[in-house]
Amino acid sequence: GSTVNTLQKFLISQGKGPAAQALAKNGATMTFGSLTRAALAEFQKSAGITPATGYFGPKTRAYINALSQ
């Protein structure tokens, strides 16, 4: 839904790797699929978040919330 859309827009704005670039070409779809998961894993890896699994868990939420403050 809208939360996934917001996450996708964030990942697109970060442009961290080929999956994020592919997500940008697709655009924000509001569906958490394999492309969103891959783009999120790329972001997690670039940010040093471990494990970089592509799941939007507490570590990733906290990291992204800290960026927006």
Protein backbone atom coordinates (compact mmCIF):
# COMPACT_ATOMS: atom_id res chain seq x y z
CA GLY A 1 0.00 0.00 0.00
CA SER A 2 1.06 3.56 0.65
CA THR A 3 3.87 2.54 3.00
CA VAL A 4 5.43 0.40 0.27
CA ASN A 5 5.00 3.27 -2.17
CA THR A 6 6.88 5.59 0.20
CA LEU A 7 9.65 3.02 0.64
CA GLN A 8 9.94 2.54 -3.13
CA LYS A 9 10.19 6.29 -3.71
CA PHE A 10 12.92 6.46 -1.04
CA LEU A 11 14.87 3.60 -2.64
CA ILE A 12 14.54 5.22 -6.06
CA SER A 13 15.83 8.52 -4.66
CA GLN A 14 18.85 6.75 -3.16
CA GLY A 15 19.72 5.01 -6.46
CA LYS A 16 21.96 2.44 -4.74
CA GLY A 17 22.66 -0.06 -7.49
CA PRO A 18 21.09 -1.79 -10.46
CA ALA A 19 17.97 -3.01 -8.63
CA ALA A 20 17.16 0.54 -7.49
CA GLN A 21 17.68 1.75 -11.04
CA ALA A 22 15.35 -0.99 -12.34
CA LEU A 23 12.82 0.01 -9.68
CA ALA A 24 13.07 3.60 -10.91
CA LYS A 25 12.29 2.44 -14.46
CA ASN A 26 9.26 0.53 -13.17
CA GLY A 27 8.19 3.30 -10.83
CA ALA A 28 6.59 3.00 -7.41
CA THR A 29 3.93 0.31 -7.66
CA MET A 30 2.71 -0.03 -4.05
CA THR A 31 3.53 -3.77 -4.23
CA PHE A 32 6.43 -5.23 -2.27
CA GLY A 33 7.81 -7.67 -4.81
CA SER A 34 11.19 -9.10 -5.72
CA LEU A 35 12.42 -5.86 -7.30
CA THR A 36 11.65 -3.84 -4.17
CA ARG A 37 13.29 -6.51 -2.03
CA ALA A 38 16.43 -6.46 -4.20
CA ALA A 39 16.61 -2.64 -4.13
CA LEU A 40 16.16 -2.66 -0.36
CA ALA A 41 18.91 -5.26 0.06
CA GLU A 42 21.24 -3.08 -2.05
CA PHE A 43 20.43 -0.09 0.14
CA GLN A 44 20.95 -2.10 3.33
CA LYS A 45 24.32 -3.32 2.09
CA SER A 46 25.43 0.20 1.15
CA ALA A 47 24.32 1.51 4.55
CA GLY A 48 26.06 -1.28 6.47
CA ILE A 49 22.79 -2.73 7.76
CA THR A 50 23.17 -6.44 8.46
CA PRO A 51 21.85 -8.78 7.47
CA ALA A 52 21.08 -7.16 4.10
CA THR A 53 18.11 -9.39 3.35
CA GLY A 54 15.74 -6.93 1.69
CA TYR A 55 13.21 -7.07 4.49
CA PHE A 56 12.05 -3.81 6.07
CA GLY A 57 12.71 -4.71 9.69
CA PRO A 58 13.44 -2.65 12.80
CA LYS A 59 17.11 -1.93 11.98
CA THR A 60 16.25 -0.57 8.54
CA ARG A 61 13.27 1.42 9.84
CA ALA A 62 15.42 3.01 12.55
CA TYR A 63 18.17 3.85 10.04
CA ILE A 64 15.77 5.46 7.56
CA ASN A 65 13.92 7.34 10.33
CA ALA A 66 17.25 8.74 11.55
CA LEU A 67 18.02 9.97 8.02
CA SER A 68 14.77 11.91 7.83
CA GLN A 69 15.34 13.81 11.09
